[in-house]
Structure formats: C-alpha cells, structure tokens
C-alpha atoms as a PDB file:
ATOM      1  CA  UNK A   1     -45.864 -36.310-153.662  1.00  0.00           C
ATOM      2  CA  UNK A   2     -44.078 -35.302-156.853  1.00  0.00           C
ATOM      3  CA  UNK A   3     -40.318 -34.827-156.852  1.00  0.00           C
ATOM      4  CA  UNK A   4     -37.929 -32.836-159.036  1.00  0.00           C
ATOM      5  CA  UNK A   5     -36.661 -34.712-162.067  1.00  0.00           C
ATOM      6  CA  UNK A   6     -33.111 -34.186-160.825  1.00  0.00           C
ATOM      7  CA  UNK A   7     -33.712 -36.586-157.939  1.00  0.00           C
ATOM      8  CA  UNK A   8     -33.170 -39.431-160.398  1.00  0.00           C
ATOM      9  CA  UNK A   9     -29.981 -38.981-162.438  1.00  0.00           C
ATOM     10  CA  UNK A  10     -30.813 -41.736-164.915  1.00  0.00           C
ATOM     11  CA  UNK A  11     -34.293 -40.373-165.575  1.00  0.00           C
ATOM     12  CA  UNK A  12     -32.931 -36.833-165.899  1.00  0.00           C
ATOM     13  CA  UNK A  13     -30.428 -37.977-168.528  1.00  0.00           C
ATOM     14  CA  UNK A  14     -33.124 -39.980-170.311  1.00  0.00           C
ATOM     15  CA  UNK A  15     -35.399 -36.933-170.381  1.00  0.00           C
ATOM     16  CA  UNK A  16     -32.575 -34.691-171.580  1.00  0.00           C
ATOM     17  CA  UNK A  17     -31.730 -37.036-174.456  1.00  0.00           C
ATOM     18  CA  UNK A  18     -35.412 -37.449-175.348  1.00  0.00           C
ATOM     19  CA  UNK A  19     -35.779 -33.669-175.418  1.00  0.00           C
ATOM     20  CA  UNK A  20     -32.827 -33.307-177.780  1.00  0.00           C
ATOM     21  CA  UNK A  21     -34.217 -36.041-180.060  1.00  0.00           C
ATOM     22  CA  UNK A  22     -37.503 -34.170-180.356  1.00  0.00           C
ATOM     23  CA  UNK A  23     -36.126 -30.631-180.333  1.00  0.00           C
ATOM     24  CA  UNK A  24     -34.109 -28.584-182.800  1.00  0.00           C
ATOM     25  CA  UNK A  25     -32.083 -26.950-179.992  1.00  0.00           C
ATOM     26  CA  UNK A  26     -28.765 -28.422-181.145  1.00  0.00           C
ATOM     27  CA  UNK A  27     -29.394 -27.210-184.690  1.00  0.00           C
ATOM     28  CA  UNK A  28     -30.512 -23.719-183.658  1.00  0.00           C
ATOM     29  CA  UNK A  29     -27.596 -23.076-181.299  1.00  0.00           C
ATOM     30  CA  UNK A  30     -25.196 -24.578-183.837  1.00  0.00           C
ATOM     31  CA  UNK A  31     -26.528 -22.294-186.567  1.00  0.00           C
ATOM     32  CA  UNK A  32     -26.021 -19.252-184.344  1.00  0.00           C
ATOM     33  CA  UNK A  33     -22.449 -20.290-183.558  1.00  0.00           C
ATOM     34  CA  UNK A  34     -21.666 -20.817-187.245  1.00  0.00           C
ATOM     35  CA  UNK A  35     -23.262 -17.501-188.171  1.00  0.00           C
ATOM     36  CA  UNK A  36     -22.449 -15.150-185.283  1.00  0.00           C
ATOM     37  CA  UNK A  37     -19.746 -16.562-182.994  1.00  0.00           C
ATOM     38  CA  UNK A  38     -16.810 -15.315-185.038  1.00  0.00           C
ATOM     39  CA  UNK A  39     -17.947 -11.700-185.170  1.00  0.00           C
ATOM     40  CA  UNK A  40     -19.467 -11.502-181.691  1.00  0.00           C
ATOM     41  CA  UNK A  41     -16.905 -13.488-179.720  1.00  0.00           C
ATOM     42  CA  UNK A  42     -13.770 -14.511-181.638  1.00  0.00           C
ATOM     43  CA  UNK A  43     -13.060 -11.099-183.159  1.00  0.00           C
ATOM     44  CA  UNK A  44     -13.763  -9.352-179.869  1.00  0.00           C
ATOM     45  CA  UNK A  45     -11.363 -11.607-177.972  1.00  0.00           C
ATOM     46  CA  UNK A  46      -8.726 -11.080-180.666  1.00  0.00           C
ATOM     47  CA  UNK A  47      -9.099  -7.302-180.528  1.00  0.00           C
ATOM     48  CA  UNK A  48      -9.065  -7.087-176.738  1.00  0.00           C
ATOM     49  CA  UNK A  49      -6.055  -9.260-175.994  1.00  0.00           C
ATOM     50  CA  UNK A  50      -2.401  -8.819-176.723  1.00  0.00           C
ATOM     51  CA  UNK A  51      -0.694 -10.588-179.607  1.00  0.00           C
ATOM     52  CA  UNK A  52       0.993 -13.130-177.339  1.00  0.00           C
ATOM     53  CA  UNK A  53      -2.335 -14.718-176.262  1.00  0.00           C
ATOM     54  CA  UNK A  54      -2.674 -17.910-178.227  1.00  0.00           C
ATOM     55  CA  UNK A  55       1.036 -17.780-179.117  1.00  0.00           C
ATOM     56  CA  UNK A  56       3.198 -17.416-175.988  1.00  0.00           C
ATOM     57  CA  UNK A  57       0.267 -17.971-173.659  1.00  0.00           C
ATOM     58  CA  UNK A  58      -2.838 -20.047-174.398  1.00  0.00           C
ATOM     59  CA  UNK A  59      -6.316 -18.668-174.771  1.00  0.00           C
ATOM     60  CA  UNK A  60      -8.131 -20.075-171.730  1.00  0.00           C
ATOM     61  CA  UNK A  61     -11.663 -21.366-172.253  1.00  0.00           C
ATOM     62  CA  UNK A  62     -14.038 -22.754-169.621  1.00  0.00           C
ATOM     63  CA  UNK A  63     -17.070 -24.817-170.609  1.00  0.00           C
ATOM     64  CA  UNK A  64     -19.664 -25.213-167.848  1.00  0.00           C
ATOM     65  CA  UNK A  65     -22.239 -27.940-168.365  1.00  0.00           C
ATOM     66  CA  UNK A  66     -20.689 -28.817-171.718  1.00  0.00           C
ATOM     67  CA  UNK A  67     -22.737 -32.032-172.106  1.00  0.00           C
ATOM     68  CA  UNK A  68     -21.419 -34.123-175.011  1.00  0.00           C
ATOM     69  CA  UNK A  69     -19.455 -31.136-176.295  1.00  0.00           C
ATOM     70  CA  UNK A  70     -21.329 -30.363-179.517  1.00  0.00           C
ATOM     71  CA  UNK A  71     -21.458 -26.618-178.952  1.00  0.00           C
ATOM     72  CA  UNK A  72     -18.052 -26.355-177.282  1.00  0.00           C
ATOM     73  CA  UNK A  73     -16.463 -28.067-180.270  1.00  0.00           C
ATOM     74  CA  UNK A  74     -18.038 -25.639-182.751  1.00  0.00           C
ATOM     75  CA  UNK A  75     -16.702 -22.744-180.688  1.00  0.00           C
ATOM     76  CA  UNK A  76     -13.230 -24.237-180.330  1.00  0.00           C
ATOM     77  CA  UNK A  77     -12.935 -24.794-184.073  1.00  0.00           C
ATOM     78  CA  UNK A  78     -13.553 -21.101-184.716  1.00  0.00           C
ATOM     79  CA  UNK A  79     -11.267 -19.996-181.900  1.00  0.00           C
ATOM     80  CA  UNK A  80      -8.536 -22.268-183.247  1.00  0.00           C
ATOM     81  CA  UNK A  81      -8.488 -20.325-186.513  1.00  0.00           C
ATOM     82  CA  UNK A  82      -7.429 -17.225-184.569  1.00  0.00           C
ATOM     83  CA  UNK A  83      -5.516 -18.629-181.578  1.00  0.00           C
ATOM     84  CA  UNK A  84      -2.908 -21.357-182.092  1.00  0.00           C
ATOM     85  CA  UNK A  85      -2.786 -22.377-178.413  1.00  0.00           C
ATOM     86  CA  UNK A  86      -5.942 -22.998-176.413  1.00  0.00           C
ATOM     87  CA  UNK A  87      -6.429 -24.379-172.918  1.00  0.00           C
ATOM     88  CA  UNK A  88      -9.945 -25.831-172.677  1.00  0.00           C
ATOM     89  CA  UNK A  89     -11.376 -26.707-169.269  1.00  0.00           C
ATOM     90  CA  UNK A  90     -14.547 -28.815-169.377  1.00  0.00           C
ATOM     91  CA  UNK A  91     -16.886 -29.074-166.379  1.00  0.00           C
ATOM     92  CA  UNK A  92     -19.713 -31.595-166.842  1.00  0.00           C
ATOM     93  CA  UNK A  93     -21.471 -33.568-164.070  1.00  0.00           C
ATOM     94  CA  UNK A  94     -22.744 -36.407-166.289  1.00  0.00           C
ATOM     95  CA  UNK A  95     -20.113 -39.130-166.691  1.00  0.00           C
ATOM     96  CA  UNK A  96     -21.833 -40.491-169.781  1.00  0.00           C
ATOM     97  CA  UNK A  97     -21.788 -37.110-171.492  1.00  0.00           C
ATOM     98  CA  UNK A  98     -18.209 -36.225-170.645  1.00  0.00           C
ATOM     99  CA  UNK A  99     -17.104 -39.634-171.964  1.00  0.00           C
ATOM    100  CA  UNK A 100     -18.916 -38.898-175.236  1.00  0.00           C
ATOM    101  CA  UNK A 101     -17.112 -35.547-175.435  1.00  0.00           C
ATOM    102  CA  UNK A 102     -13.735 -37.191-174.766  1.00  0.00           C
ATOM    103  CA  UNK A 103     -14.447 -39.872-177.358  1.00  0.00           C
ATOM    104  CA  UNK A 104     -15.163 -37.224-180.008  1.00  0.00           C
ATOM    105  CA  UNK A 105     -11.891 -35.436-179.203  1.00  0.00           C
ATOM    106  CA  UNK A 106      -9.993 -38.733-179.379  1.00  0.00           C
ATOM    107  CA  UNK A 107     -11.542 -39.799-182.689  1.00  0.00           C
ATOM    108  CA  UNK A 108     -10.960 -36.410-184.327  1.00  0.00           C
ATOM    109  CA  UNK A 109      -7.666 -35.590-182.636  1.00  0.00           C
ATOM    110  CA  UNK A 110      -6.267 -33.771-185.688  1.00  0.00           C
ATOM    111  CA  UNK A 111      -9.065 -31.217-185.414  1.00  0.00           C
ATOM    112  CA  UNK A 112      -7.898 -30.351-181.896  1.00  0.00           C
ATOM    113  CA  UNK A 113      -4.188 -29.831-182.492  1.00  0.00           C
ATOM    114  CA  UNK A 114      -3.003 -26.998-180.248  1.00  0.00           C
ATOM    115  CA  UNK A 115      -5.864 -27.495-177.769  1.00  0.00           C
ATOM    116  CA  UNK A 116      -5.075 -28.892-174.319  1.00  0.00           C
ATOM    117  CA  UNK A 117      -8.104 -30.274-172.465  1.00  0.00           C
ATOM    118  CA  UNK A 118      -8.684 -30.573-168.745  1.00  0.00           C
ATOM    119  CA  UNK A 119     -11.707 -32.669-167.762  1.00  0.00           C
ATOM    120  CA  UNK A 120     -13.766 -32.314-164.595  1.00  0.00           C
ATOM    121  CA  UNK A 121     -16.633 -34.744-164.148  1.00  0.00           C
ATOM    122  CA  UNK A 122     -18.356 -32.692-161.460  1.00  0.00           C
ATOM    123  CA  UNK A 123     -20.885 -29.954-160.898  1.00  0.00           C
ATOM    124  CA  UNK A 124     -20.067 -26.277-161.270  1.00  0.00           C
ATOM    125  CA  UNK A 125     -20.474 -25.874-157.505  1.00  0.00           C
ATOM    126  CA  UNK A 126     -17.979 -28.651-156.781  1.00  0.00           C
ATOM    127  CA  UNK A 127     -15.557 -27.241-159.335  1.00  0.00           C
ATOM    128  CA  UNK A 128     -15.622 -23.818-157.673  1.00  0.00           C
ATOM    129  CA  UNK A 129     -15.296 -25.329-154.205  1.00  0.00           C
ATOM    130  CA  UNK A 130     -12.268 -27.364-155.296  1.00  0.00           C
ATOM    131  CA  UNK A 131     -10.458 -24.795-157.444  1.00  0.00           C
ATOM    132  CA  UNK A 132     -11.784 -21.435-156.313  1.00  0.00           C
ATOM    133  CA  UNK A 133     -11.306 -18.534-158.710  1.00  0.00           C
ATOM    134  CA  UNK A 134      -7.523 -18.526-159.036  1.00  0.00           C
ATOM    135  CA  UNK A 135      -7.540 -19.549-162.708  1.00  0.00           C
ATOM    136  CA  UNK A 136      -8.835 -16.870-165.081  1.00  0.00           C
ATOM    137  CA  UNK A 137     -10.464 -17.479-168.461  1.00  0.00           C
ATOM    138  CA  UNK A 138     -10.828 -15.449-171.638  1.00  0.00           C
ATOM    139  CA  UNK A 139     -14.082 -17.198-172.565  1.00  0.00           C
ATOM    140  CA  UNK A 140     -16.667 -18.955-170.396  1.00  0.00           C
ATOM    141  CA  UNK A 141     -19.314 -20.901-172.296  1.00  0.00           C
ATOM    142  CA  UNK A 142     -22.648 -21.730-170.638  1.00  0.00           C
ATOM    143  CA  UNK A 143     -25.132 -23.137-173.151  1.00  0.00           C
ATOM    144  CA  UNK A 144     -28.337 -23.797-171.221  1.00  0.00           C
ATOM    145  CA  UNK A 145     -26.420 -24.553-168.028  1.00  0.00           C
ATOM    146  CA  UNK A 146     -27.028 -21.454-165.882  1.00  0.00           C
ATOM    147  CA  UNK A 147     -30.099 -23.261-164.501  1.00  0.00           C
ATOM    148  CA  UNK A 148     -27.801 -25.435-162.370  1.00  0.00           C
ATOM    149  CA  UNK A 149     -27.119 -22.621-159.908  1.00  0.00           C
ATOM    150  CA  UNK A 150     -30.732 -22.153-158.798  1.00  0.00           C
ATOM    151  CA  UNK A 151     -32.138 -18.636-158.791  1.00  0.00           C
ATOM    152  CA  UNK A 152     -31.524 -18.155-155.039  1.00  0.00           C
ATOM    153  CA  UNK A 153     -27.784 -18.341-155.768  1.00  0.00           C
ATOM    154  CA  UNK A 154     -27.823 -16.598-159.131  1.00  0.00           C
ATOM    155  CA  UNK A 155     -26.366 -13.251-158.063  1.00  0.00           C
ATOM    156  CA  UNK A 156     -23.470 -14.954-156.309  1.00  0.00           C
ATOM    157  CA  UNK A 157     -22.902 -17.240-159.305  1.00  0.00           C
ATOM    158  CA  UNK A 158     -22.763 -14.296-161.716  1.00  0.00           C
ATOM    159  CA  UNK A 159     -20.285 -12.549-159.423  1.00  0.00           C
ATOM    160  CA  UNK A 160     -18.135 -15.687-159.379  1.00  0.00           C
ATOM    161  CA  UNK A 161     -18.284 -15.958-163.152  1.00  0.00           C
ATOM    162  CA  UNK A 162     -17.157 -12.352-163.514  1.00  0.00           C
ATOM    163  CA  UNK A 163     -14.294 -13.053-161.112  1.00  0.00           C
ATOM    164  CA  UNK A 164     -13.288 -16.055-163.255  1.00  0.00           C
ATOM    165  CA  UNK A 165     -12.990 -13.842-166.358  1.00  0.00           C
ATOM    166  CA  UNK A 166      -9.798 -12.218-167.535  1.00  0.00           C
ATOM    167  CA  UNK A 167     -10.204  -8.479-168.161  1.00  0.00           C
ATOM    168  CA  UNK A 168     -11.608  -8.195-171.681  1.00  0.00           C
ATOM    169  CA  UNK A 169     -13.061 -11.706-171.440  1.00  0.00           C
ATOM    170  CA  UNK A 170     -16.529 -12.824-172.476  1.00  0.00           C
ATOM    171  CA  UNK A 171     -19.186 -15.084-170.958  1.00  0.00           C
ATOM    172  CA  UNK A 172     -21.362 -16.685-173.629  1.00  0.00           C
ATOM    173  CA  UNK A 173     -24.637 -17.647-171.968  1.00  0.00           C
ATOM    174  CA  UNK A 174     -27.651 -19.237-173.650  1.00  0.00           C
ATOM    175  CA  UNK A 175     -30.745 -19.183-171.438  1.00  0.00           C
ATOM    176  CA  UNK A 176     -34.505 -19.577-171.730  1.00  0.00           C
ATOM    177  CA  UNK A 177     -36.736 -16.505-171.612  1.00  0.00           C
ATOM    178  CA  UNK A 178     -39.621 -16.436-169.146  1.00  0.00           C
ATOM    179  CA  UNK A 179     -42.402 -15.567-171.585  1.00  0.00           C
ATOM    180  CA  UNK A 180     -42.507 -18.577-173.912  1.00  0.00           C
ATOM    181  CA  UNK A 181     -42.350 -22.370-173.949  1.00  0.00           C
ATOM    182  CA  UNK A 182     -40.523 -24.318-171.268  1.00  0.00           C
ATOM    183  CA  UNK A 183     -39.449 -21.250-169.294  1.00  0.00           C
ATOM    184  CA  UNK A 184     -43.015 -19.957-169.091  1.00  0.00           C
ATOM    185  CA  UNK A 185     -44.416 -23.410-168.264  1.00  0.00           C
ATOM    186  CA  UNK A 186     -42.114 -24.210-165.357  1.00  0.00           C
ATOM    187  CA  UNK A 187     -42.357 -20.723-163.920  1.00  0.00           C
ATOM    188  CA  UNK A 188     -46.172 -20.717-164.217  1.00  0.00           C
ATOM    189  CA  UNK A 189     -46.287 -23.922-162.179  1.00  0.00           C
ATOM    190  CA  UNK A 190     -43.283 -23.523-159.848  1.00  0.00           C
ATOM    191  CA  UNK A 191     -44.537 -25.893-157.158  1.00  0.00           C
ATOM    192  CA  UNK A 192     -45.066 -29.043-159.213  1.00  0.00           C
ATOM    193  CA  UNK A 193     -42.222 -30.638-157.297  1.00  0.00           C
ATOM    194  CA  UNK A 194     -40.297 -29.528-154.253  1.00  0.00           C
ATOM    195  CA  UNK A 195     -37.213 -30.927-152.577  1.00  0.00           C
ATOM    196  CA  UNK A 196     -34.025 -29.682-151.034  1.00  0.00           C
ATOM    197  CA  UNK A 197     -31.197 -29.544-153.563  1.00  0.00           C
ATOM    198  CA  UNK A 198     -29.552 -32.818-154.493  1.00  0.00           C
ATOM    199  CA  UNK A 199     -25.803 -32.174-154.658  1.00  0.00           C
ATOM    200  CA  UNK A 200     -25.159 -35.287-156.761  1.00  0.00           C
ATOM    201  CA  UNK A 201     -25.918 -33.478-160.011  1.00  0.00           C
ATOM    202  CA  UNK A 202     -26.693 -29.994-161.214  1.00  0.00           C
ATOM    203  CA  UNK A 203     -30.071 -28.842-159.907  1.00  0.00           C
ATOM    204  CA  UNK A 204     -32.008 -26.807-162.501  1.00  0.00           C
ATOM    205  CA  UNK A 205     -34.278 -25.379-159.814  1.00  0.00           C
ATOM    206  CA  UNK A 206     -34.329 -23.516-156.531  1.00  0.00           C
ATOM    207  CA  UNK A 207     -34.279 -25.314-153.188  1.00  0.00           C
ATOM    208  CA  UNK A 208     -37.986 -24.675-152.748  1.00  0.00           C
ATOM    209  CA  UNK A 209     -39.563 -25.090-156.181  1.00  0.00           C
ATOM    210  CA  UNK A 210     -39.132 -26.038-159.808  1.00  0.00           C
ATOM    211  CA  UNK A 211     -38.738 -22.437-160.910  1.00  0.00           C
ATOM    212  CA  UNK A 212     -36.071 -22.126-163.625  1.00  0.00           C
ATOM    213  CA  UNK A 213     -33.600 -19.299-163.883  1.00  0.00           C
ATOM    214  CA  UNK A 214     -34.445 -17.271-166.990  1.00  0.00           C
ATOM    215  CA  UNK A 215     -32.894 -14.480-169.017  1.00  0.00           C
ATOM    216  CA  UNK A 216     -34.891 -11.781-167.214  1.00  0.00           C
ATOM    217  CA  UNK A 217     -33.366 -12.900-163.908  1.00  0.00           C
ATOM    218  CA  UNK A 218     -29.866 -12.784-165.389  1.00  0.00           C
ATOM    219  CA  UNK A 219     -30.266  -9.425-167.133  1.00  0.00           C
ATOM    220  CA  UNK A 220     -31.789  -7.747-164.073  1.00  0.00           C
ATOM    221  CA  UNK A 221     -28.686  -8.657-162.023  1.00  0.00           C
ATOM    222  CA  UNK A 222     -26.334  -7.579-164.814  1.00  0.00           C
ATOM    223  CA  UNK A 223     -28.184  -4.246-165.067  1.00  0.00           C
ATOM    224  CA  UNK A 224     -28.122  -3.813-161.275  1.00  0.00           C
ATOM    225  CA  UNK A 225     -24.331  -4.159-161.217  1.00  0.00           C
ATOM    226  CA  UNK A 226     -23.849  -2.244-164.477  1.00  0.00           C
ATOM    227  CA  UNK A 227     -22.199  -5.226-166.183  1.00  0.00           C
ATOM    228  CA  UNK A 228     -22.057  -4.770-169.952  1.00  0.00           C
ATOM    229  CA  UNK A 229     -23.683  -7.319-172.248  1.00  0.00           C
ATOM    230  CA  UNK A 230     -25.158  -7.656-175.702  1.00  0.00           C
ATOM    231  CA  UNK A 231     -27.823 -10.117-176.711  1.00  0.00           C
ATOM    232  CA  UNK A 232     -29.302 -12.116-179.559  1.00  0.00           C
ATOM    233  CA  UNK A 233     -32.161 -14.589-179.558  1.00  0.00           C
ATOM    234  CA  UNK A 234     -33.398 -17.677-181.339  1.00  0.00           C
ATOM    235  CA  UNK A 235     -36.521 -19.836-181.194  1.00  0.00           C
ATOM    236  CA  UNK A 236     -36.343 -23.587-180.680  1.00  0.00           C
ATOM    237  CA  UNK A 237     -39.153 -26.025-181.398  1.00  0.00           C
ATOM    238  CA  UNK A 238     -39.900 -29.229-179.498  1.00  0.00           C
ATOM    239  CA  UNK A 239     -42.151 -31.879-181.070  1.00  0.00           C
ATOM    240  CA  UNK A 240     -44.581 -32.793-178.261  1.00  0.00           C
ATOM    241  CA  UNK A 241     -47.052 -34.780-180.366  1.00  0.00           C
ATOM    242  CA  UNK A 242     -46.328 -37.906-178.300  1.00  0.00           C
ATOM    243  CA  UNK A 243     -47.577 -36.126-175.167  1.00  0.00           C
ATOM    244  CA  UNK A 244     -51.111 -36.010-176.611  1.00  0.00           C
ATOM    245  CA  UNK A 245     -51.484 -39.497-178.068  1.00  0.00           C
ATOM    246  CA  UNK A 246     -54.352 -41.505-176.596  1.00  0.00           C
ATOM    247  CA  UNK A 247     -52.112 -44.458-175.830  1.00  0.00           C
ATOM    248  CA  UNK A 248     -49.728 -44.078-172.893  1.00  0.00           C
ATOM    249  CA  UNK A 249     -46.400 -43.695-174.735  1.00  0.00           C
ATOM    250  CA  UNK A 250     -42.974 -43.878-173.138  1.00  0.00           C
ATOM    251  CA  UNK A 251     -41.785 -40.984-175.311  1.00  0.00           C
ATOM    252  CA  UNK A 252     -44.687 -38.771-174.238  1.00  0.00           C
ATOM    253  CA  UNK A 253     -44.212 -39.516-170.548  1.00  0.00           C
ATOM    254  CA  UNK A 254     -40.469 -38.853-170.642  1.00  0.00           C
ATOM    255  CA  UNK A 255     -40.993 -35.623-172.581  1.00  0.00           C
ATOM    256  CA  UNK A 256     -43.515 -34.435-169.990  1.00  0.00           C
ATOM    257  CA  UNK A 257     -41.035 -35.179-167.213  1.00  0.00           C
ATOM    258  CA  UNK A 258     -38.482 -33.024-169.023  1.00  0.00           C
ATOM    259  CA  UNK A 259     -40.859 -30.189-169.879  1.00  0.00           C
ATOM    260  CA  UNK A 260     -42.177 -29.932-166.324  1.00  0.00           C
ATOM    261  CA  UNK A 261     -38.888 -30.882-164.607  1.00  0.00           C
ATOM    262  CA  UNK A 262     -40.959 -33.315-162.532  1.00  0.00           C
ATOM    263  CA  UNK A 263     -40.159 -36.984-161.921  1.00  0.00           C
ATOM    264  CA  UNK A 264     -42.955 -39.263-163.225  1.00  0.00           C
ATOM    265  CA  UNK A 265     -45.116 -36.202-163.808  1.00  0.00           C
ATOM    266  CA  UNK A 266     -48.116 -38.011-165.283  1.00  0.00           C
ATOM    267  CA  UNK A 267     -48.545 -40.388-162.340  1.00  0.00           C
ATOM    268  CA  UNK A 268     -47.240 -38.256-159.464  1.00  0.00           C
ATOM    269  CA  UNK A 269     -49.387 -35.118-159.728  1.00  0.00           C
ATOM    270  CA  UNK A 270     -53.116 -34.838-159.099  1.00  0.00           C
ATOM    271  CA  UNK A 271     -55.593 -35.073-161.986  1.00  0.00           C
ATOM    272  CA  UNK A 272     -56.465 -31.413-161.514  1.00  0.00           C
ATOM    273  CA  UNK A 273     -52.837 -30.287-161.756  1.00  0.00           C
ATOM    274  CA  UNK A 274     -52.202 -32.584-164.716  1.00  0.00           C
ATOM    275  CA  UNK A 275     -55.182 -31.158-166.597  1.00  0.00           C
ATOM    276  CA  UNK A 276     -54.128 -27.564-165.890  1.00  0.00           C
ATOM    277  CA  UNK A 277     -50.589 -28.177-167.130  1.00  0.00           C
ATOM    278  CA  UNK A 278     -51.767 -29.960-170.275  1.00  0.00           C
ATOM    279  CA  UNK A 279     -54.246 -27.138-170.983  1.00  0.00           C
ATOM    280  CA  UNK A 280     -51.421 -24.640-170.581  1.00  0.00           C
ATOM    281  CA  UNK A 281     -49.267 -26.569-173.054  1.00  0.00           C
ATOM    282  CA  UNK A 282     -52.165 -26.756-175.538  1.00  0.00           C
ATOM    283  CA  UNK A 283     -52.728 -22.998-175.279  1.00  0.00           C
ATOM    284  CA  UNK A 284     -49.046 -22.290-175.944  1.00  0.00           C
ATOM    285  CA  UNK A 285     -48.207 -24.838-178.641  1.00  0.00           C
ATOM    286  CA  UNK A 286     -48.162 -24.492-182.423  1.00  0.00           C
ATOM    287  CA  UNK A 287     -48.882 -26.862-185.311  1.00  0.00           C
ATOM    288  CA  UNK A 288     -46.139 -27.467-187.866  1.00  0.00           C
ATOM    289  CA  UNK A 289     -45.403 -29.924-190.656  1.00  0.00           C
ATOM    290  CA  UNK A 290     -42.966 -32.782-190.170  1.00  0.00           C
ATOM    291  CA  UNK A 291     -40.753 -34.316-192.851  1.00  0.00           C
ATOM    292  CA  UNK A 292     -43.672 -36.464-194.025  1.00  0.00           C
ATOM    293  CA  UNK A 293     -45.905 -33.379-194.406  1.00  0.00           C
ATOM    294  CA  UNK A 294     -48.045 -34.478-191.459  1.00  0.00           C
ATOM    295  CA  UNK A 295     -49.011 -32.169-188.633  1.00  0.00           C
ATOM    296  CA  UNK A 296     -46.892 -32.179-185.492  1.00  0.00           C
ATOM    297  CA  UNK A 297     -47.554 -30.347-182.256  1.00  0.00           C
ATOM    298  CA  UNK A 298     -44.686 -28.083-181.204  1.00  0.00           C
ATOM    299  CA  UNK A 299     -43.801 -26.259-178.021  1.00  0.00           C
ATOM    300  CA  UNK A 300     -41.893 -23.122-178.964  1.00  0.00           C
ATOM    301  CA  UNK A 301     -39.315 -21.561-176.652  1.00  0.00           C
ATOM    302  CA  UNK A 302     -37.527 -18.274-177.275  1.00  0.00           C
ATOM    303  CA  UNK A 303     -33.987 -18.266-175.881  1.00  0.00           C
ATOM    304  CA  UNK A 304     -31.644 -15.356-175.262  1.00  0.00           C
ATOM    305  CA  UNK A 305     -27.961 -15.511-176.136  1.00  0.00           C
ATOM    306  CA  UNK A 306     -26.054 -13.146-173.861  1.00  0.00           C
ATOM    307  CA  UNK A 307     -22.471 -12.001-174.445  1.00  0.00           C
ATOM    308  CA  UNK A 308     -21.364 -10.673-171.048  1.00  0.00           C
ATOM    309  CA  UNK A 309     -18.151  -8.646-170.957  1.00  0.00           C
ATOM    310  CA  UNK A 310     -15.597  -7.674-168.355  1.00  0.00           C
END
C-alpha cells in the first residue's frame, strides 16, 4: 500500500528541497514580489492604516509555512521601507527550515533593524490551538502553504485567517491552480496514497486522499462569503528529465515522490498506476533548453497569487 509523502518527515523535506533545486519557483515568486508587492500590498497597507502604524505601533506580519524565509525576507525588506517598526511572527513546522531562516536574520542583522521576530516551530493548526485568534495582523503571507489545512478544513481555515486580519489587512496567498502541472496531476489521481492525517507536520492533503487544495477551491469559498480579493498568476517550470532516464536515479525517484505526494511512489504503486501517472506527466510536459542548450523535460504549473482583503 502506498502512503502519503508526509508520513515521512525526512523524505518530505528531501523531496521539497529536490523540487526547489529543479524548479524555478523561488525565482518566479521572487520576481513577482520585486515587481508587484510594493504596489499591490505595501501601498495598500500604507493607505489603509493610520500614520501611527509602523511608528507608535508596529505593523504586524504573520508568515505561515515560511520555510527558509526567502519570500518572507523579500516582503519584509519592502515593508521596512514604508514602516519603521514591524512585528514578524513566523510559523514553520520544519526545524531545519526555521533554523535556516533564523541564521539568515542573524547573519544579516542590519537588514532587519526595526523588525522584531517571534518564532514558532510548529504547524499552523498547533499555532492556532495554542494562541487562538487574539493577535491581529496587518499582513498574512502564505506562499504555497495553504495546502497544509486539507480541503475538508479549508472553509474553516479561511474564516480563521480572516479573523486573524486587522480591518484593512491583506492575506497574500500563492496557490496552485487545478488545471495545470502538479495541481492537475495530484487531483487527477487523488487516491495514490491514503492515510489519516499525521499531526507531526503539515499535511498537504485531505484525510482521505492526496487531493491538493487549489486556487479554485479557495476562490469559490471567497466568492461564497463575498470576501474581496484580486489576483495575479505566474507559471513555474520543474525540470523532470531525471524522472525519464533509463537508469533508476535517486533524483528522479525523489522528484516523483514530490510530484505525486506519495512516499516511494515508484516502488509502492502498481505497474498499471505507475504507467498511467507517467503517461499523464508525458502528455502535460514541455521541452525546453537548459543552460547547455540541451533539451530538458519540464512540468509546467500555473499558480495564482491572491490578495485577499478585509
């Protein structure tokens, strides 16, 4: 029987890092932040809040699933140019990642003058259970971390997130669409692995299947409750050439675990299921040139960037 990738924390982290090494996600999200974050988030927060925010009272920012902090840091640098005092709360379940984030802040301490950090090495669910919704935030950042709530709890999670926002606040959410790449793959084969949720780490699935939360799920709930949002999108490319090499490569196997969200996918599923998934990937991949002008096989995923207001 195949199990969700999240059953093994070490393998999940290995797959996540392998995905980032072979994907341009960090670059694409970073480019959007550099290009759009000031006008679509910073300026809006500045216009909506009184002059004493960031002066007499700090701008409160919550990062959920902040990983090693790459995207949070880009956001904080732009916010710092407008708000002289910032309180940044970081919620990240991976100890290794939160230590990397803390190390970056320590090494570049001058860049974070005026920013007070609070660190929580725990899941979003544990954070809410421990702290409730007493503290309010002007900005909540969720870059590819909404998956942790599981779609059966999504409506409740979005309600909680709205309750955590100050009036005039913004939730910045980056989430896969359901019609391309990884989102389409996992939701086309939702029963590759099944297991009750493991509370040790964030579960990017429901309790009954591997189905990932996607932007259509989020927007349908926002529309239902008449919650205002605007959206942008970007396309990220993942080099999956290693998944199709004749030799049994470690890189290819780990990438397949990550793409399918299934632990030991290649050896744990039946031959029939394996062939169907690989055919699906072939039908949805593209061919691009790498830095050496050789062909590489890419899995393309369109992602929505939602700015949700209160």
